[in-house]
Amino acid sequence: MAKMSAHKPAGNTVEAARAQLAGLRQYILDKDLVSIPGTEQANVMESPPYQRWNFAYIDIPGPYEKNLPSVYYVAPPDPKWTKAERDAYIPGAADLEFTSVHEVWPGHFLNFLHANRSPDLFGRVFVGYAFAEGWAHYAEEMMWEAGLGNGDAETHIGQISNALLRDARFLSSIGLHTRGMTLAQSEALFRDQALQDAATSRQQAARGAF
């Protein structure tokens, strides 16, 4: 994890994520993994300040909106953090790649390209949260199993670290809302068991509270 996290992406995270998307889309096409209905792309932008409570997320137009882009938002480190925390918050290149897999190709973005084209109105409007998140989580491991990274161990750590983060979120949510877990205990869970940096651990504990 330390080696993977130390291998930072080239440029800033917005530029790096933007470069990753083109390669991931082409990989899906080359491997014929899943159909891509349409030519839409996801723009990559820096998250606005009020939406920096998580490192990355995607904003996808709904089924009644036409000709609007999807936006894959990536948050920079908070300038109020220490330099060490800011540096650690920037994910390793392999970690970022599987975040891009989860959010865009072939995760949430592709899921909604299909959902928004459903011939059934119910299918367009009511996309199940469990399925949408389940598909994105599945897509991470599927891309590794389909050969993304050509067996590179650091790439595999990037995939596993994302899966481990989801597991910690699951345990944190249950703990905070049903078992009396404190924010400090949740933060420790992310830091000590999911091997997240200090700033991310604070963010994820706070996120679990809401």
N, C-alpha and C. Protein backbone atom coordinates (compact mmCIF):
# COMPACT_ATOMS: atom_id res chain seq x y z
N MET A 1 0.84 -1.20 0.00
CA MET A 1 0.00 0.00 0.00
C MET A 1 0.88 1.25 0.00
N ALA A 2 1.94 1.25 0.77
CA ALA A 2 2.80 2.43 0.84
C ALA A 2 3.46 2.70 -0.51
N LYS A 3 3.92 1.64 -1.16
CA LYS A 3 4.56 1.80 -2.47
C LYS A 3 3.56 2.30 -3.50
N MET A 4 2.36 1.72 -3.52
CA MET A 4 1.34 2.14 -4.48
C MET A 4 0.95 3.59 -4.23
N SER A 5 0.75 3.96 -2.96
CA SER A 5 0.34 5.32 -2.63
C SER A 5 1.41 6.35 -2.96
N ALA A 6 2.67 5.93 -2.91
CA ALA A 6 3.77 6.85 -3.19
C ALA A 6 3.93 7.12 -4.68
N HIS A 7 3.40 6.24 -5.51
CA HIS A 7 3.50 6.40 -6.97
C HIS A 7 2.34 7.28 -7.44
N LYS A 8 2.53 8.60 -7.34
CA LYS A 8 1.46 9.55 -7.64
C LYS A 8 1.25 9.68 -9.15
N PRO A 9 0.03 10.01 -9.56
CA PRO A 9 -0.23 10.21 -10.99
C PRO A 9 0.51 11.43 -11.51
N ALA A 10 0.80 11.42 -12.81
CA ALA A 10 1.46 12.56 -13.43
C ALA A 10 0.50 13.75 -13.48
N GLY A 11 1.03 14.95 -13.24
CA GLY A 11 0.18 16.13 -13.24
C GLY A 11 -0.72 16.15 -12.03
N ASN A 12 -1.75 17.01 -12.06
CA ASN A 12 -2.70 16.99 -10.95
C ASN A 12 -3.73 15.90 -11.15
N THR A 13 -4.56 15.67 -10.15
CA THR A 13 -5.48 14.53 -10.22
C THR A 13 -6.54 14.70 -11.29
N VAL A 14 -6.95 15.94 -11.56
CA VAL A 14 -7.93 16.16 -12.62
C VAL A 14 -7.34 15.76 -13.97
N GLU A 15 -6.13 16.21 -14.25
CA GLU A 15 -5.48 15.86 -15.51
C GLU A 15 -5.26 14.35 -15.61
N ALA A 16 -4.85 13.75 -14.50
CA ALA A 16 -4.58 12.31 -14.51
C ALA A 16 -5.84 11.51 -14.74
N ALA A 17 -6.93 11.88 -14.06
CA ALA A 17 -8.19 11.17 -14.24
C ALA A 17 -8.70 11.33 -15.67
N ARG A 18 -8.54 12.52 -16.21
CA ARG A 18 -8.97 12.77 -17.60
C ARG A 18 -8.22 11.84 -18.57
N ALA A 19 -6.94 11.70 -18.36
CA ALA A 19 -6.14 10.83 -19.23
C ALA A 19 -6.53 9.37 -19.05
N GLN A 20 -6.87 8.98 -17.82
CA GLN A 20 -7.24 7.58 -17.58
C GLN A 20 -8.53 7.20 -18.30
N LEU A 21 -9.48 8.12 -18.38
CA LEU A 21 -10.79 7.78 -18.95
C LEU A 21 -10.69 7.33 -20.40
N ALA A 22 -9.88 8.01 -21.17
CA ALA A 22 -9.74 7.62 -22.58
C ALA A 22 -9.20 6.20 -22.70
N GLY A 23 -8.22 5.88 -21.88
CA GLY A 23 -7.65 4.54 -21.93
C GLY A 23 -8.61 3.47 -21.44
N LEU A 24 -9.38 3.78 -20.39
CA LEU A 24 -10.34 2.80 -19.87
C LEU A 24 -11.45 2.52 -20.87
N ARG A 25 -11.95 3.56 -21.53
CA ARG A 25 -13.00 3.36 -22.54
C ARG A 25 -12.49 2.49 -23.67
N GLN A 26 -11.28 2.77 -24.12
CA GLN A 26 -10.71 1.97 -25.21
C GLN A 26 -10.48 0.54 -24.78
N TYR A 27 -10.10 0.34 -23.52
CA TYR A 27 -9.87 -1.01 -23.01
C TYR A 27 -11.16 -1.82 -23.05
N ILE A 28 -12.26 -1.21 -22.66
CA ILE A 28 -13.56 -1.88 -22.70
C ILE A 28 -13.90 -2.30 -24.13
N LEU A 29 -13.65 -1.39 -25.07
CA LEU A 29 -13.95 -1.69 -26.47
C LEU A 29 -13.04 -2.79 -27.01
N ASP A 30 -11.74 -2.69 -26.72
CA ASP A 30 -10.79 -3.68 -27.22
C ASP A 30 -11.07 -5.07 -26.68
N LYS A 31 -11.49 -5.15 -25.42
CA LYS A 31 -11.76 -6.44 -24.79
C LYS A 31 -13.21 -6.89 -24.99
N ASP A 32 -14.02 -6.02 -25.57
CA ASP A 32 -15.44 -6.32 -25.79
C ASP A 32 -16.11 -6.77 -24.49
N LEU A 33 -15.91 -5.97 -23.45
CA LEU A 33 -16.38 -6.34 -22.11
C LEU A 33 -17.87 -6.05 -21.92
N VAL A 34 -18.32 -4.92 -22.43
CA VAL A 34 -19.72 -4.53 -22.26
C VAL A 34 -20.02 -3.49 -23.34
N SER A 35 -21.28 -3.41 -23.74
CA SER A 35 -21.64 -2.47 -24.80
C SER A 35 -21.67 -1.04 -24.27
N ILE A 36 -21.31 -0.10 -25.12
CA ILE A 36 -21.35 1.33 -24.80
C ILE A 36 -22.40 1.97 -25.70
N PRO A 37 -23.57 2.32 -25.16
CA PRO A 37 -24.65 2.85 -25.98
C PRO A 37 -24.54 4.36 -26.18
N GLY A 38 -23.94 4.79 -27.24
CA GLY A 38 -23.82 6.21 -27.48
C GLY A 38 -22.38 6.68 -27.42
N THR A 39 -22.21 7.97 -27.65
CA THR A 39 -20.88 8.56 -27.73
C THR A 39 -20.61 9.55 -26.60
N GLU A 40 -21.49 9.63 -25.61
CA GLU A 40 -21.29 10.59 -24.52
C GLU A 40 -19.98 10.33 -23.77
N GLN A 41 -19.45 11.41 -23.25
CA GLN A 41 -18.24 11.34 -22.44
C GLN A 41 -18.52 11.97 -21.08
N ALA A 42 -17.68 11.67 -20.13
CA ALA A 42 -17.75 12.32 -18.81
C ALA A 42 -16.62 13.33 -18.72
N ASN A 43 -16.98 14.59 -18.50
CA ASN A 43 -15.98 15.63 -18.29
C ASN A 43 -15.39 15.49 -16.90
N VAL A 44 -14.11 15.77 -16.77
CA VAL A 44 -13.44 15.70 -15.47
C VAL A 44 -13.18 17.12 -14.99
N MET A 45 -13.64 17.43 -13.80
CA MET A 45 -13.46 18.77 -13.24
C MET A 45 -13.11 18.69 -11.76
N GLU A 46 -12.54 19.77 -11.26
CA GLU A 46 -12.25 19.87 -9.83
C GLU A 46 -13.56 20.07 -9.07
N SER A 47 -13.74 19.34 -8.00
CA SER A 47 -14.95 19.48 -7.20
C SER A 47 -15.08 20.89 -6.66
N PRO A 48 -16.31 21.45 -6.65
CA PRO A 48 -16.51 22.75 -6.01
C PRO A 48 -16.29 22.62 -4.51
N PRO A 49 -15.91 23.69 -3.84
CA PRO A 49 -15.57 23.61 -2.41
C PRO A 49 -16.65 22.97 -1.54
N TYR A 50 -17.93 23.22 -1.84
CA TYR A 50 -18.99 22.69 -0.98
C TYR A 50 -19.21 21.19 -1.17
N GLN A 51 -18.53 20.61 -2.16
CA GLN A 51 -18.69 19.18 -2.42
C GLN A 51 -17.39 18.41 -2.24
N ARG A 52 -16.58 18.83 -1.34
CA ARG A 52 -15.29 18.17 -1.15
C ARG A 52 -15.26 17.30 0.09
N TRP A 53 -16.41 16.75 0.44
CA TRP A 53 -16.47 15.85 1.59
C TRP A 53 -16.14 14.40 1.21
N ASN A 54 -15.82 14.20 -0.08
CA ASN A 54 -15.38 12.90 -0.57
C ASN A 54 -14.42 13.17 -1.72
N PHE A 55 -13.50 12.25 -1.96
CA PHE A 55 -12.48 12.51 -2.97
C PHE A 55 -13.05 12.63 -4.37
N ALA A 56 -13.99 11.75 -4.75
CA ALA A 56 -14.48 11.75 -6.13
C ALA A 56 -15.94 11.32 -6.19
N TYR A 57 -16.65 11.84 -7.16
CA TYR A 57 -18.02 11.41 -7.42
C TYR A 57 -18.39 11.83 -8.84
N ILE A 58 -19.47 11.28 -9.36
CA ILE A 58 -19.92 11.65 -10.70
C ILE A 58 -21.33 12.21 -10.64
N ASP A 59 -21.55 13.25 -11.43
CA ASP A 59 -22.86 13.90 -11.55
C ASP A 59 -23.40 13.57 -12.93
N ILE A 60 -24.47 12.79 -12.99
CA ILE A 60 -24.99 12.27 -14.25
C ILE A 60 -26.37 12.87 -14.52
N PRO A 61 -26.61 13.40 -15.71
CA PRO A 61 -27.94 13.93 -16.03
C PRO A 61 -29.02 12.87 -15.90
N GLY A 62 -30.18 13.30 -15.48
CA GLY A 62 -31.30 12.37 -15.35
C GLY A 62 -31.94 12.05 -16.69
N PRO A 63 -32.91 11.13 -16.70
CA PRO A 63 -33.49 10.66 -17.95
C PRO A 63 -34.29 11.71 -18.71
N TYR A 64 -34.73 12.78 -18.04
CA TYR A 64 -35.49 13.82 -18.73
C TYR A 64 -34.60 14.95 -19.24
N GLU A 65 -33.32 14.91 -18.91
CA GLU A 65 -32.41 15.96 -19.35
C GLU A 65 -31.70 15.55 -20.63
N LYS A 66 -31.62 16.45 -21.57
CA LYS A 66 -31.05 16.13 -22.87
C LYS A 66 -29.83 17.02 -23.16
N ASN A 67 -28.84 16.41 -23.79
CA ASN A 67 -27.66 17.14 -24.27
C ASN A 67 -26.89 17.85 -23.16
N LEU A 68 -26.88 17.26 -21.98
CA LEU A 68 -26.08 17.78 -20.88
C LEU A 68 -24.95 16.80 -20.59
N PRO A 69 -23.75 17.30 -20.29
CA PRO A 69 -22.64 16.39 -20.02
C PRO A 69 -22.71 15.82 -18.61
N SER A 70 -22.12 14.66 -18.43
CA SER A 70 -21.86 14.16 -17.09
C SER A 70 -20.53 14.77 -16.63
N VAL A 71 -20.39 14.93 -15.33
CA VAL A 71 -19.15 15.51 -14.81
C VAL A 71 -18.60 14.59 -13.71
N TYR A 72 -17.37 14.18 -13.89
CA TYR A 72 -16.63 13.37 -12.91
C TYR A 72 -15.79 14.36 -12.10
N TYR A 73 -16.20 14.55 -10.84
CA TYR A 73 -15.55 15.54 -9.98
C TYR A 73 -14.47 14.88 -9.13
N VAL A 74 -13.33 15.54 -9.03
CA VAL A 74 -12.21 15.07 -8.22
C VAL A 74 -11.80 16.21 -7.29
N ALA A 75 -11.68 15.91 -6.02
CA ALA A 75 -11.39 16.96 -5.03
C ALA A 75 -9.88 17.10 -4.80
N PRO A 76 -9.40 18.35 -4.77
CA PRO A 76 -8.00 18.58 -4.39
C PRO A 76 -7.86 18.53 -2.88
N PRO A 77 -6.65 18.45 -2.37
CA PRO A 77 -6.45 18.52 -0.93
C PRO A 77 -6.90 19.87 -0.38
N ASP A 78 -7.36 19.89 0.83
CA ASP A 78 -7.76 21.13 1.49
C ASP A 78 -6.50 21.94 1.81
N PRO A 79 -6.42 23.20 1.37
CA PRO A 79 -5.20 23.98 1.63
C PRO A 79 -4.95 24.22 3.12
N LYS A 80 -5.96 24.01 3.96
CA LYS A 80 -5.78 24.21 5.41
C LYS A 80 -5.05 23.03 6.05
N TRP A 81 -4.97 21.90 5.36
CA TRP A 81 -4.27 20.74 5.92
C TRP A 81 -2.77 20.98 5.92
N THR A 82 -2.05 20.17 6.70
CA THR A 82 -0.60 20.24 6.67
C THR A 82 -0.09 19.74 5.32
N LYS A 83 1.14 20.08 4.99
CA LYS A 83 1.70 19.63 3.72
C LYS A 83 1.73 18.10 3.64
N ALA A 84 2.07 17.46 4.75
CA ALA A 84 2.11 16.00 4.76
C ALA A 84 0.72 15.41 4.48
N GLU A 85 -0.32 16.01 5.06
CA GLU A 85 -1.68 15.53 4.82
C GLU A 85 -2.11 15.79 3.38
N ARG A 86 -1.75 16.96 2.85
CA ARG A 86 -2.10 17.26 1.46
C ARG A 86 -1.43 16.28 0.51
N ASP A 87 -0.17 16.00 0.74
CA ASP A 87 0.57 15.08 -0.13
C ASP A 87 -0.02 13.67 -0.05
N ALA A 88 -0.35 13.23 1.16
CA ALA A 88 -0.87 11.87 1.34
C ALA A 88 -2.27 11.72 0.76
N TYR A 89 -3.03 12.81 0.73
CA TYR A 89 -4.41 12.75 0.24
C TYR A 89 -4.48 12.45 -1.26
N ILE A 90 -3.48 12.89 -2.00
CA ILE A 90 -3.46 12.59 -3.44
C ILE A 90 -3.22 11.10 -3.60
N PRO A 91 -4.15 10.38 -4.26
CA PRO A 91 -4.03 8.93 -4.31
C PRO A 91 -2.91 8.48 -5.25
N GLY A 92 -2.48 7.25 -5.04
CA GLY A 92 -1.56 6.66 -6.00
C GLY A 92 -2.24 6.50 -7.35
N ALA A 93 -1.43 6.40 -8.40
CA ALA A 93 -1.99 6.31 -9.76
C ALA A 93 -2.91 5.11 -9.91
N ALA A 94 -2.54 3.97 -9.31
CA ALA A 94 -3.37 2.77 -9.43
C ALA A 94 -4.67 2.91 -8.65
N ASP A 95 -4.61 3.56 -7.51
CA ASP A 95 -5.81 3.83 -6.71
C ASP A 95 -6.76 4.72 -7.51
N LEU A 96 -6.22 5.79 -8.09
CA LEU A 96 -7.04 6.70 -8.89
C LEU A 96 -7.65 5.99 -10.09
N GLU A 97 -6.90 5.09 -10.69
CA GLU A 97 -7.43 4.39 -11.87
C GLU A 97 -8.69 3.59 -11.52
N PHE A 98 -8.69 2.94 -10.38
CA PHE A 98 -9.88 2.15 -10.03
C PHE A 98 -11.00 3.02 -9.48
N THR A 99 -10.67 4.22 -9.00
CA THR A 99 -11.73 5.19 -8.72
C THR A 99 -12.39 5.61 -10.03
N SER A 100 -11.58 5.81 -11.06
CA SER A 100 -12.11 6.15 -12.38
C SER A 100 -12.93 5.00 -12.97
N VAL A 101 -12.49 3.77 -12.73
CA VAL A 101 -13.28 2.60 -13.14
C VAL A 101 -14.65 2.64 -12.46
N HIS A 102 -14.65 2.90 -11.17
CA HIS A 102 -15.89 2.90 -10.39
C HIS A 102 -16.85 4.00 -10.84
N GLU A 103 -16.33 5.20 -11.02
CA GLU A 103 -17.19 6.34 -11.32
C GLU A 103 -17.61 6.42 -12.78
N VAL A 104 -16.74 5.97 -13.70
CA VAL A 104 -17.00 6.23 -15.13
C VAL A 104 -17.00 4.97 -15.97
N TRP A 105 -15.82 4.46 -16.33
CA TRP A 105 -15.72 3.33 -17.27
C TRP A 105 -15.19 2.09 -16.59
N PRO A 106 -15.98 1.07 -16.40
CA PRO A 106 -17.38 0.89 -16.83
C PRO A 106 -18.37 0.96 -15.66
N GLY A 107 -18.13 1.87 -14.71
CA GLY A 107 -18.96 1.93 -13.51
C GLY A 107 -20.22 2.75 -13.67
N HIS A 108 -20.40 3.74 -12.78
CA HIS A 108 -21.65 4.49 -12.72
C HIS A 108 -22.05 5.13 -14.05
N PHE A 109 -21.10 5.76 -14.72
CA PHE A 109 -21.41 6.48 -15.95
C PHE A 109 -22.01 5.54 -17.00
N LEU A 110 -21.34 4.41 -17.20
CA LEU A 110 -21.85 3.45 -18.19
C LEU A 110 -23.19 2.87 -17.76
N ASN A 111 -23.34 2.59 -16.48
CA ASN A 111 -24.61 2.09 -15.95
C ASN A 111 -25.76 3.03 -16.34
N PHE A 112 -25.53 4.34 -16.14
CA PHE A 112 -26.60 5.30 -16.42
C PHE A 112 -26.77 5.57 -17.90
N LEU A 113 -25.74 5.37 -18.71
CA LEU A 113 -25.94 5.45 -20.17
C LEU A 113 -26.97 4.41 -20.59
N HIS A 114 -26.86 3.23 -20.02
CA HIS A 114 -27.83 2.17 -20.33
C HIS A 114 -29.19 2.47 -19.70
N ALA A 115 -29.20 2.85 -18.42
CA ALA A 115 -30.46 3.08 -17.72
C ALA A 115 -31.27 4.19 -18.38
N ASN A 116 -30.61 5.27 -18.78
CA ASN A 116 -31.31 6.40 -19.39
C ASN A 116 -31.86 6.07 -20.77
N ARG A 117 -31.46 4.94 -21.33
CA ARG A 117 -31.98 4.50 -22.63
C ARG A 117 -32.98 3.35 -22.51
N SER A 118 -33.37 3.03 -21.29
CA SER A 118 -34.31 1.93 -21.11
C SER A 118 -35.61 2.24 -21.86
N PRO A 119 -36.17 1.25 -22.56
CA PRO A 119 -37.45 1.49 -23.24
C PRO A 119 -38.60 1.65 -22.27
N ASP A 120 -38.37 1.32 -21.02
CA ASP A 120 -39.42 1.38 -20.00
C ASP A 120 -39.22 2.63 -19.14
N LEU A 121 -40.25 3.44 -18.96
CA LEU A 121 -40.15 4.65 -18.16
C LEU A 121 -39.69 4.34 -16.74
N PHE A 122 -40.23 3.28 -16.16
CA PHE A 122 -39.85 2.88 -14.80
C PHE A 122 -38.35 2.58 -14.75
N GLY A 123 -37.84 1.92 -15.78
CA GLY A 123 -36.43 1.58 -15.82
C GLY A 123 -35.53 2.80 -15.95
N ARG A 124 -36.03 3.85 -16.60
CA ARG A 124 -35.24 5.07 -16.74
C ARG A 124 -35.22 5.89 -15.45
N VAL A 125 -36.35 5.96 -14.79
CA VAL A 125 -36.48 6.87 -13.64
C VAL A 125 -35.99 6.25 -12.34
N PHE A 126 -36.25 4.96 -12.14
CA PHE A 126 -35.94 4.33 -10.86
C PHE A 126 -34.77 3.36 -11.01
N VAL A 127 -33.57 3.91 -10.89
CA VAL A 127 -32.37 3.07 -10.91
C VAL A 127 -32.06 2.67 -9.48
N GLY A 128 -32.05 1.37 -9.21
CA GLY A 128 -31.85 0.91 -7.84
C GLY A 128 -30.47 1.26 -7.32
N TYR A 129 -30.42 1.85 -6.14
CA TYR A 129 -29.13 2.24 -5.55
C TYR A 129 -28.25 1.01 -5.31
N ALA A 130 -28.85 -0.06 -4.83
CA ALA A 130 -28.06 -1.27 -4.56
C ALA A 130 -27.44 -1.80 -5.84
N PHE A 131 -28.23 -1.76 -6.93
CA PHE A 131 -27.66 -2.25 -8.19
C PHE A 131 -26.58 -1.30 -8.71
N ALA A 132 -26.86 0.00 -8.66
CA ALA A 132 -25.90 0.97 -9.20
C ALA A 132 -24.56 0.87 -8.48
N GLU A 133 -24.59 0.83 -7.14
CA GLU A 133 -23.34 0.70 -6.40
C GLU A 133 -22.74 -0.70 -6.57
N GLY A 134 -23.61 -1.69 -6.57
CA GLY A 134 -23.12 -3.05 -6.75
C GLY A 134 -22.40 -3.22 -8.07
N TRP A 135 -22.97 -2.63 -9.13
CA TRP A 135 -22.33 -2.73 -10.44
C TRP A 135 -20.97 -2.05 -10.44
N ALA A 136 -20.90 -0.85 -9.85
CA ALA A 136 -19.63 -0.12 -9.84
C ALA A 136 -18.56 -0.86 -9.05
N HIS A 137 -18.95 -1.46 -7.92
CA HIS A 137 -17.99 -2.25 -7.14
C HIS A 137 -17.56 -3.49 -7.91
N TYR A 138 -18.53 -4.14 -8.53
CA TYR A 138 -18.22 -5.32 -9.33
C TYR A 138 -17.27 -4.96 -10.47
N ALA A 139 -17.52 -3.81 -11.10
CA ALA A 139 -16.71 -3.40 -12.25
C ALA A 139 -15.24 -3.25 -11.90
N GLU A 140 -14.95 -2.82 -10.67
CA GLU A 140 -13.55 -2.67 -10.27
C GLU A 140 -12.81 -4.00 -10.37
N GLU A 141 -13.35 -5.03 -9.73
CA GLU A 141 -12.68 -6.33 -9.76
C GLU A 141 -12.75 -6.95 -11.15
N MET A 142 -13.86 -6.74 -11.84
CA MET A 142 -14.01 -7.28 -13.20
C MET A 142 -12.92 -6.76 -14.12
N MET A 143 -12.60 -5.46 -14.03
CA MET A 143 -11.58 -4.88 -14.90
C MET A 143 -10.20 -5.48 -14.59
N TRP A 144 -9.92 -5.71 -13.31
CA TRP A 144 -8.66 -6.37 -12.96
C TRP A 144 -8.64 -7.78 -13.54
N GLU A 145 -9.73 -8.52 -13.36
CA GLU A 145 -9.78 -9.90 -13.85
C GLU A 145 -9.73 -9.95 -15.38
N ALA A 146 -10.17 -8.88 -16.04
CA ALA A 146 -10.12 -8.82 -17.50
C ALA A 146 -8.74 -8.42 -18.02
N GLY A 147 -7.79 -8.20 -17.09
CA GLY A 147 -6.41 -7.97 -17.50
C GLY A 147 -5.91 -6.54 -17.40
N LEU A 148 -6.70 -5.63 -16.85
CA LEU A 148 -6.23 -4.26 -16.71
C LEU A 148 -4.97 -4.24 -15.85
N GLY A 149 -3.90 -3.68 -16.37
CA GLY A 149 -2.63 -3.65 -15.67
C GLY A 149 -1.71 -4.80 -15.99
N ASN A 150 -2.20 -5.76 -16.78
CA ASN A 150 -1.38 -6.90 -17.21
C ASN A 150 -0.72 -7.64 -16.04
N GLY A 151 -1.47 -7.80 -14.97
CA GLY A 151 -0.96 -8.57 -13.84
C GLY A 151 -0.02 -7.82 -12.92
N ASP A 152 0.15 -6.52 -13.13
CA ASP A 152 1.04 -5.72 -12.30
C ASP A 152 0.54 -5.69 -10.85
N ALA A 153 1.41 -6.01 -9.92
CA ALA A 153 1.01 -6.11 -8.51
C ALA A 153 0.54 -4.77 -7.96
N GLU A 154 1.19 -3.69 -8.37
CA GLU A 154 0.79 -2.37 -7.87
C GLU A 154 -0.63 -2.02 -8.34
N THR A 155 -0.94 -2.38 -9.59
CA THR A 155 -2.30 -2.16 -10.10
C THR A 155 -3.30 -2.96 -9.28
N HIS A 156 -2.94 -4.19 -8.93
CA HIS A 156 -3.84 -5.02 -8.14
C HIS A 156 -4.07 -4.41 -6.76
N ILE A 157 -3.03 -3.85 -6.17
CA ILE A 157 -3.19 -3.18 -4.88
C ILE A 157 -4.14 -1.99 -5.03
N GLY A 158 -4.07 -1.29 -6.16
CA GLY A 158 -5.00 -0.19 -6.40
C GLY A 158 -6.44 -0.67 -6.39
N GLN A 159 -6.68 -1.82 -7.01
CA GLN A 159 -8.03 -2.38 -7.03
C GLN A 159 -8.45 -2.83 -5.63
N ILE A 160 -7.58 -3.54 -4.95
CA ILE A 160 -7.92 -4.07 -3.63
C ILE A 160 -8.13 -2.93 -2.62
N SER A 161 -7.33 -1.87 -2.73
CA SER A 161 -7.47 -0.76 -1.78
C SER A 161 -8.84 -0.10 -1.92
N ASN A 162 -9.36 -0.02 -3.14
CA ASN A 162 -10.71 0.51 -3.34
C ASN A 162 -11.75 -0.41 -2.71
N ALA A 163 -11.59 -1.71 -2.90
CA ALA A 163 -12.53 -2.65 -2.30
C ALA A 163 -12.49 -2.58 -0.78
N LEU A 164 -11.28 -2.43 -0.23
CA LEU A 164 -11.12 -2.34 1.22
C LEU A 164 -11.79 -1.08 1.77
N LEU A 165 -11.68 0.02 1.03
CA LEU A 165 -12.34 1.25 1.43
C LEU A 165 -13.85 1.06 1.50
N ARG A 166 -14.44 0.38 0.51
CA ARG A 166 -15.90 0.14 0.52
C ARG A 166 -16.29 -0.72 1.73
N ASP A 167 -15.47 -1.72 2.04
CA ASP A 167 -15.76 -2.57 3.20
C ASP A 167 -15.77 -1.74 4.49
N ALA A 168 -14.78 -0.85 4.61
CA ALA A 168 -14.71 -0.02 5.81
C ALA A 168 -15.90 0.93 5.90
N ARG A 169 -16.34 1.45 4.76
CA ARG A 169 -17.54 2.31 4.76
C ARG A 169 -18.76 1.53 5.27
N PHE A 170 -18.87 0.30 4.83
CA PHE A 170 -20.01 -0.54 5.23
C PHE A 170 -19.99 -0.73 6.75
N LEU A 171 -18.84 -1.12 7.28
CA LEU A 171 -18.73 -1.34 8.71
C LEU A 171 -18.91 -0.04 9.51
N SER A 172 -18.38 1.05 8.98
CA SER A 172 -18.52 2.33 9.65
C SER A 172 -19.98 2.77 9.70
N SER A 173 -20.70 2.63 8.60
CA SER A 173 -22.10 3.05 8.57
C SER A 173 -22.93 2.29 9.61
N ILE A 174 -22.74 0.97 9.63
CA ILE A 174 -23.46 0.15 10.61
C ILE A 174 -23.05 0.54 12.03
N GLY A 175 -21.75 0.72 12.24
CA GLY A 175 -21.27 1.06 13.57
C GLY A 175 -21.77 2.41 14.07
N LEU A 176 -21.69 3.42 13.20
CA LEU A 176 -22.10 4.76 13.61
C LEU A 176 -23.59 4.85 13.89
N HIS A 177 -24.40 4.17 13.08
CA HIS A 177 -25.84 4.37 13.17
C HIS A 177 -26.57 3.35 14.04
N THR A 178 -25.93 2.22 14.35
CA THR A 178 -26.64 1.20 15.12
C THR A 178 -25.87 0.65 16.30
N ARG A 179 -24.57 0.92 16.40
CA ARG A 179 -23.78 0.24 17.42
C ARG A 179 -22.98 1.19 18.30
N GLY A 180 -23.29 2.48 18.26
CA GLY A 180 -22.64 3.41 19.15
C GLY A 180 -21.21 3.77 18.81
N MET A 181 -20.77 3.48 17.60
CA MET A 181 -19.42 3.85 17.19
C MET A 181 -19.29 5.37 17.18
N THR A 182 -18.18 5.88 17.67
CA THR A 182 -17.93 7.32 17.64
C THR A 182 -17.22 7.70 16.34
N LEU A 183 -17.20 8.98 16.03
CA LEU A 183 -16.47 9.45 14.85
C LEU A 183 -14.99 9.11 14.96
N ALA A 184 -14.44 9.23 16.16
CA ALA A 184 -13.03 8.91 16.36
C ALA A 184 -12.76 7.43 16.08
N GLN A 185 -13.67 6.56 16.51
CA GLN A 185 -13.51 5.12 16.24
C GLN A 185 -13.65 4.82 14.75
N SER A 186 -14.57 5.51 14.10
CA SER A 186 -14.72 5.33 12.66
C SER A 186 -13.46 5.78 11.93
N GLU A 187 -12.95 6.92 12.34
CA GLU A 187 -11.71 7.42 11.73
C GLU A 187 -10.57 6.43 11.90
N ALA A 188 -10.47 5.84 13.08
CA ALA A 188 -9.42 4.85 13.34
C ALA A 188 -9.62 3.61 12.47
N LEU A 189 -10.88 3.23 12.23
CA LEU A 189 -11.16 2.08 11.37
C LEU A 189 -10.60 2.31 9.97
N PHE A 190 -10.87 3.49 9.41
CA PHE A 190 -10.37 3.79 8.06
C PHE A 190 -8.85 3.87 8.03
N ARG A 191 -8.26 4.45 9.07
CA ARG A 191 -6.82 4.64 9.10
C ARG A 191 -6.08 3.32 9.34
N ASP A 192 -6.55 2.55 10.32
CA ASP A 192 -5.77 1.39 10.77
C ASP A 192 -6.12 0.10 10.03
N GLN A 193 -7.38 -0.05 9.60
CA GLN A 193 -7.77 -1.30 8.95
C GLN A 193 -7.94 -1.16 7.44
N ALA A 194 -8.36 0.03 6.98
CA ALA A 194 -8.46 0.24 5.53
C ALA A 194 -7.22 0.92 4.97
N LEU A 195 -6.27 1.26 5.84
CA LEU A 195 -4.96 1.81 5.44
C LEU A 195 -5.09 3.10 4.65
N GLN A 196 -6.04 3.95 5.06
CA GLN A 196 -6.24 5.24 4.41
C GLN A 196 -5.39 6.31 5.10
N ASP A 197 -5.10 7.38 4.36
CA ASP A 197 -4.34 8.48 4.94
C ASP A 197 -5.20 9.22 5.97
N ALA A 198 -4.56 10.09 6.74
CA ALA A 198 -5.25 10.75 7.85
C ALA A 198 -6.42 11.62 7.38
N ALA A 199 -6.22 12.41 6.34
CA ALA A 199 -7.29 13.30 5.87
C ALA A 199 -8.47 12.51 5.32
N THR A 200 -8.19 11.49 4.53
CA THR A 200 -9.27 10.66 3.99
C THR A 200 -10.02 9.97 5.12
N SER A 201 -9.32 9.51 6.13
CA SER A 201 -9.97 8.83 7.26
C SER A 201 -10.93 9.77 7.96
N ARG A 202 -10.53 11.02 8.16
CA ARG A 202 -11.43 12.01 8.76
C ARG A 202 -12.65 12.25 7.88
N GLN A 203 -12.41 12.40 6.58
CA GLN A 203 -13.51 12.63 5.63
C GLN A 203 -14.51 11.48 5.66
N GLN A 204 -13.99 10.26 5.61
CA GLN A 204 -14.87 9.10 5.50
C GLN A 204 -15.66 8.90 6.79
N ALA A 205 -15.08 9.18 7.93
CA ALA A 205 -15.82 9.07 9.19
C ALA A 205 -16.95 10.08 9.21
N ALA A 206 -16.68 11.31 8.80
CA ALA A 206 -17.72 12.34 8.75
C ALA A 206 -18.79 11.96 7.74
N ARG A 207 -18.40 11.44 6.61
CA ARG A 207 -19.36 11.02 5.58
C ARG A 207 -20.29 9.92 6.12
N GLY A 208 -19.71 9.00 6.87
CA GLY A 208 -20.53 7.92 7.43
C GLY A 208 -21.61 8.42 8.36
N ALA A 209 -21.37 9.58 8.98
CA ALA A 209 -22.35 10.13 9.91
C ALA A 209 -23.61 10.62 9.22
N PHE A 210 -23.52 10.92 7.91
CA PHE A 210 -24.72 11.39 7.20
C PHE A 210 -25.08 10.53 6.01
